[in-house]
Amino acid sequence: MDSIPKESWCFMWDETVTGRGGNEMASGIVKCFEQLNDSALKEVTVWSDNCAGQNKTIYLMMAYLWILSQKENKEVINHKYLLKGHTHMEVDVVHSKIEREKKKMQEFSIVTPWDWQQFIKSCSRNLKIKVVNMETMDFMDFSAFCNGSSAPFVHRKKSIVGESVPYAAIVWMQFRKNEIGSMFYKTSFDQETFEEVSFLRNKRKRFSLPTPKPIRENPRLISSLKYNDLQKSMQWIPAMFHDYYRNLP
């Protein structure tokens, strides 16, 4: 949810497109920044839960460095994490609204993933909800930023002062355009100053960021067990959608 215009975005895809790992979440963040049309907005703050496998990966950190390198007007990106016992976000209202509307609209049949997108669009009568269909080419692999000897960055576990970086305990990450390659962090919102970890592989050598490549070019395969179950379910699915299910990868 964008708290300024009070707009919510639902970035949606099905599992034949890709999964829900770190690169996928990072790609969703990149797509989100593409929707921001306020050129005067120099600093952006993102709030999320503390799911380490999705919202606190090195790929997300690399994505933020990529965004700052591509967006001339963006100077600072903050990513803050909700604390235990304080995990309610404005976007939860949107999720609740969608669930309530589905219960009231029993006549609306959900047959394909595309139907979910159309249904969620219909829930925007009282809430501004924009649905973004994520295609295969929207999902980027940020591993080339920090994996391999030719990568400009390396996933460091020590801060610039030699202390272990407590990634799991971080509550605030900050990335700055004028210091590309570093992440500034706090482990408490009461902490006065940021600590810093540098991802630069070679601080004396000039570097250029690689262009992230798509995670995959071909559809993602579902399991044969799931495929077979869906074929058996076609007796309850209108015939006009049978080709969709037969052609699932």
Protein backbone atom coordinates (compact mmCIF):
# COMPACT_ATOMS: atom_id res chain seq x y z
CA MET A 1 0.00 0.00 0.00
CA ASP A 2 1.22 3.48 -0.89
CA SER A 3 0.37 5.54 2.19
CA ILE A 4 0.46 8.90 0.37
CA PRO A 5 -2.35 8.43 -2.22
CA LYS A 6 -3.82 5.56 -0.15
CA GLU A 7 -3.51 3.16 -3.08
CA SER A 8 -2.95 -0.57 -2.79
CA TRP A 9 -1.17 -2.69 -5.36
CA CYS A 10 -1.57 -6.42 -5.69
CA PHE A 11 1.30 -7.99 -7.61
CA MET A 12 0.00 -11.34 -8.75
CA TRP A 13 1.30 -14.42 -10.57
CA ASP A 14 0.67 -18.15 -10.51
CA GLU A 15 3.17 -20.89 -9.82
CA THR A 16 3.72 -21.65 -13.52
CA VAL A 17 5.39 -18.22 -13.72
CA THR A 18 7.71 -18.51 -10.72
CA GLY A 19 7.82 -19.22 -6.99
CA ARG A 20 7.93 -17.00 -3.89
CA GLY A 21 11.60 -16.89 -2.95
CA GLY A 22 13.99 -14.04 -2.26
CA ASN A 23 14.55 -13.07 -5.89
CA GLU A 24 10.81 -13.08 -6.54
CA MET A 25 10.09 -10.76 -3.60
CA ALA A 26 12.96 -8.49 -4.65
CA SER A 27 11.54 -8.36 -8.18
CA GLY A 28 8.16 -7.39 -6.75
CA ILE A 29 9.81 -4.48 -4.93
CA VAL A 30 11.46 -3.37 -8.18
CA LYS A 31 8.09 -3.51 -9.93
CA CYS A 32 6.57 -1.51 -7.09
CA PHE A 33 9.13 1.27 -7.52
CA GLU A 34 8.25 1.36 -11.21
CA GLN A 35 4.70 2.30 -10.18
CA LEU A 36 5.86 5.30 -8.14
CA ASN A 37 5.20 8.33 -10.30
CA ASP A 38 6.12 11.05 -7.81
CA SER A 39 9.41 12.34 -9.20
CA ALA A 40 9.78 14.72 -6.24
CA LEU A 41 9.88 11.84 -3.77
CA LYS A 42 13.53 11.48 -2.82
CA GLU A 43 13.23 9.13 0.17
CA VAL A 44 11.05 6.00 0.33
CA THR A 45 10.29 3.83 3.35
CA VAL A 46 9.11 0.25 2.97
CA TRP A 47 7.51 -1.63 5.87
CA SER A 48 7.23 -5.41 6.00
CA ASP A 49 7.10 -8.37 8.34
CA ASN A 50 10.32 -10.04 9.44
CA CYS A 51 10.16 -13.12 7.19
CA ALA A 52 13.86 -13.75 6.63
CA GLY A 53 13.41 -15.98 3.57
CA GLN A 54 11.49 -13.32 1.67
CA ASN A 55 12.05 -9.88 3.19
CA LYS A 56 15.60 -10.00 4.55
CA THR A 57 17.65 -11.68 1.82
CA ILE A 58 20.83 -10.52 0.13
CA TYR A 59 18.87 -10.44 -3.14
CA LEU A 60 16.52 -7.80 -1.72
CA MET A 61 19.50 -5.76 -0.59
CA MET A 62 21.03 -6.01 -4.07
CA ALA A 63 17.67 -4.98 -5.58
CA TYR A 64 17.66 -1.79 -3.52
CA LEU A 65 21.15 -0.93 -4.80
CA TRP A 66 19.90 -1.56 -8.34
CA ILE A 67 16.86 0.67 -7.83
CA LEU A 68 18.99 3.54 -6.53
CA SER A 69 21.30 3.21 -9.52
CA GLN A 70 18.35 3.37 -11.94
CA LYS A 71 16.16 6.02 -10.33
CA GLU A 72 17.81 9.41 -10.63
CA ASN A 73 15.44 11.12 -8.19
CA LYS A 74 15.59 8.46 -5.43
CA GLU A 75 18.31 9.20 -2.90
CA VAL A 76 17.45 7.06 0.14
CA ILE A 77 15.51 3.80 0.58
CA ASN A 78 14.56 2.60 4.06
CA HIS A 79 13.24 -0.87 4.83
CA LYS A 80 11.77 -1.19 8.31
CA TYR A 81 10.54 -4.38 9.96
CA LEU A 82 7.53 -4.75 12.21
CA LEU A 83 8.21 -5.82 15.78
CA LYS A 84 6.54 -8.77 17.49
CA GLY A 85 3.18 -7.73 18.89
CA HIS A 86 2.96 -4.80 16.45
CA THR A 87 2.48 -6.57 13.13
CA HIS A 88 -0.72 -4.93 11.88
CA MET A 89 -0.27 -2.95 8.67
CA GLU A 90 -2.66 -0.84 6.61
CA VAL A 91 -2.48 -3.43 3.85
CA ASP A 92 -4.08 -5.99 6.20
CA VAL A 93 -7.32 -4.02 5.79
CA VAL A 94 -7.14 -4.67 2.05
CA HIS A 95 -6.60 -8.41 2.55
CA SER A 96 -9.56 -8.52 4.95
CA LYS A 97 -11.72 -6.63 2.44
CA ILE A 98 -10.91 -9.15 -0.30
CA GLU A 99 -11.78 -12.08 1.95
CA ARG A 100 -15.11 -10.53 2.97
CA GLU A 101 -16.05 -9.73 -0.62
CA LYS A 102 -15.32 -13.29 -1.72
CA LYS A 103 -17.69 -14.66 0.91
CA LYS A 104 -20.45 -12.32 -0.28
CA MET A 105 -19.95 -13.02 -3.98
CA GLN A 106 -20.61 -16.73 -4.16
CA GLU A 107 -21.87 -16.38 -7.72
CA PHE A 108 -18.41 -15.26 -8.89
CA SER A 109 -16.62 -18.46 -9.95
CA ILE A 110 -12.84 -18.57 -9.66
CA VAL A 111 -11.74 -20.98 -12.38
CA THR A 112 -8.27 -19.72 -13.40
CA PRO A 113 -5.63 -17.50 -11.75
CA TRP A 114 -6.70 -14.71 -14.10
CA ASP A 115 -10.15 -14.79 -12.48
CA TRP A 116 -8.55 -13.97 -9.13
CA GLN A 117 -7.07 -10.84 -10.62
CA GLN A 118 -10.40 -9.72 -12.07
CA PHE A 119 -12.19 -10.43 -8.80
CA ILE A 120 -9.69 -8.41 -6.75
CA LYS A 121 -10.08 -5.51 -9.18
CA SER A 122 -13.81 -5.62 -8.47
CA CYS A 123 -13.11 -5.15 -4.73
CA SER A 124 -11.82 -1.63 -5.26
CA ARG A 125 -15.16 0.12 -4.87
CA ASN A 126 -14.26 1.48 -1.43
CA LEU A 127 -10.52 0.89 -1.53
CA LYS A 128 -8.11 1.90 -4.28
CA ILE A 129 -6.73 -1.46 -5.40
CA LYS A 130 -4.56 -1.81 -8.48
CA VAL A 131 -3.73 -5.28 -9.75
CA VAL A 132 -0.40 -5.79 -11.50
CA ASN A 133 -0.03 -9.02 -13.45
CA MET A 134 3.57 -10.20 -13.10
CA GLU A 135 4.99 -11.85 -16.22
CA THR A 136 8.01 -14.14 -16.46
CA MET A 137 10.25 -11.29 -17.68
CA ASP A 138 9.39 -9.21 -14.60
CA PHE A 139 11.27 -11.59 -12.29
CA MET A 140 14.98 -10.85 -12.12
CA ASP A 141 17.91 -12.76 -10.70
CA PHE A 142 20.10 -10.57 -8.50
CA SER A 143 22.62 -13.32 -7.66
CA ALA A 144 25.09 -11.96 -10.26
CA PHE A 145 25.48 -8.87 -8.07
CA CYS A 146 27.19 -10.79 -5.28
CA ASN A 147 28.02 -14.34 -6.49
CA GLY A 148 31.25 -15.14 -8.32
CA SER A 149 34.65 -13.51 -8.43
CA SER A 150 33.57 -10.98 -11.08
CA ALA A 151 30.57 -9.73 -9.08
CA PRO A 152 30.93 -6.14 -7.79
CA PHE A 153 29.58 -7.05 -4.34
CA VAL A 154 30.09 -9.79 -1.79
CA HIS A 155 27.71 -10.85 1.01
CA ARG A 156 29.75 -9.80 4.02
CA LYS A 157 29.03 -10.95 7.55
CA LYS A 158 31.23 -8.32 9.23
CA SER A 159 30.57 -4.60 9.57
CA ILE A 160 33.14 -1.96 8.62
CA VAL A 161 34.36 -2.02 12.24
CA GLY A 162 34.81 -5.80 12.21
CA GLU A 163 31.75 -6.79 14.21
CA SER A 164 29.36 -9.55 13.13
CA VAL A 165 26.32 -8.19 11.31
CA PRO A 166 23.22 -9.47 13.20
CA TYR A 167 21.02 -9.77 10.09
CA ALA A 168 18.22 -11.54 11.96
CA ALA A 169 18.02 -8.73 14.53
CA ILE A 170 18.00 -5.81 12.08
CA VAL A 171 14.86 -3.67 12.32
CA TRP A 172 15.91 -0.91 9.90
CA MET A 173 17.96 -1.14 6.72
CA GLN A 174 18.93 2.00 4.85
CA PHE A 175 20.48 2.37 1.39
CA ARG A 176 21.90 5.64 0.09
CA LYS A 177 22.56 6.70 -3.49
CA ASN A 178 25.74 8.54 -2.56
CA GLU A 179 27.13 5.41 -0.89
CA ILE A 180 26.16 2.63 -3.31
CA GLY A 181 27.57 -0.64 -2.05
CA SER A 182 26.90 -0.10 1.65
CA MET A 183 23.96 -0.97 3.84
CA PHE A 184 23.31 1.04 7.00
CA TYR A 185 21.35 -0.71 9.71
CA LYS A 186 19.90 -0.53 13.19
CA THR A 187 18.94 -3.36 15.51
CA SER A 188 16.65 -1.10 17.56
CA PHE A 189 14.49 1.86 16.60
CA ASP A 190 15.88 3.60 19.69
CA GLN A 191 19.42 3.30 18.39
CA GLU A 192 20.80 6.78 17.70
CA THR A 193 23.22 6.08 14.86
CA PHE A 194 23.39 3.57 12.02
CA GLU A 195 26.00 0.84 11.74
CA GLU A 196 27.43 0.04 8.31
CA VAL A 197 28.34 -3.04 6.32
CA SER A 198 30.09 -2.62 2.97
CA PHE A 199 29.28 -5.12 0.22
CA LEU A 200 31.94 -3.72 -2.13
CA ARG A 201 34.28 -6.48 -3.27
CA ASN A 202 37.10 -4.06 -4.01
CA LYS A 203 36.79 -0.56 -2.59
CA ARG A 204 39.68 0.77 -4.69
CA LYS A 205 38.37 -0.50 -8.00
CA ARG A 206 35.63 1.16 -10.02
CA PHE A 207 32.66 -1.05 -10.69
CA SER A 208 29.49 -1.16 -12.74
CA LEU A 209 26.32 -2.95 -11.81
CA PRO A 210 25.34 -5.86 -14.05
CA THR A 211 21.89 -5.81 -15.63
CA PRO A 212 19.87 -8.46 -13.79
CA LYS A 213 18.75 -11.32 -16.01
CA PRO A 214 15.35 -13.03 -15.84
CA ILE A 215 15.11 -15.83 -13.30
CA ARG A 216 13.81 -18.12 -16.04
CA GLU A 217 12.81 -17.92 -19.67
CA ASN A 218 10.48 -20.91 -19.78
CA PRO A 219 7.38 -21.64 -17.68
CA ARG A 220 7.91 -23.14 -14.24
CA LEU A 221 6.83 -26.77 -14.04
CA ILE A 222 4.20 -27.85 -11.55
CA SER A 223 4.42 -31.30 -9.98
CA SER A 224 2.99 -34.27 -11.88
CA LEU A 225 0.87 -35.07 -8.83
CA LYS A 226 -0.76 -31.63 -8.91
CA TYR A 227 -1.15 -31.81 -12.69
CA ASN A 228 -2.93 -35.17 -12.48
CA ASP A 229 -5.24 -33.92 -9.73
CA LEU A 230 -6.21 -30.93 -11.86
CA GLN A 231 -7.00 -33.19 -14.80
CA LYS A 232 -9.35 -35.21 -12.59
CA SER A 233 -10.98 -31.97 -11.43
CA MET A 234 -11.94 -30.93 -14.95
CA GLN A 235 -15.29 -32.68 -14.56
CA TRP A 236 -16.32 -29.69 -12.44
CA ILE A 237 -14.65 -27.08 -14.66
CA PRO A 238 -16.48 -25.52 -17.64
CA ALA A 239 -15.31 -27.00 -20.94
CA MET A 240 -14.14 -23.61 -22.22
CA PHE A 241 -11.28 -23.72 -19.69
CA HIS A 242 -10.18 -27.33 -20.30
CA ASP A 243 -7.40 -26.38 -22.72
CA TYR A 244 -5.88 -24.12 -20.07
CA TYR A 245 -5.59 -27.03 -17.64
CA ARG A 246 -4.45 -29.54 -20.25
CA ASN A 247 -1.63 -27.22 -21.33
CA LEU A 248 -0.26 -26.53 -17.87
CA PRO A 249 3.49 -27.21 -17.83
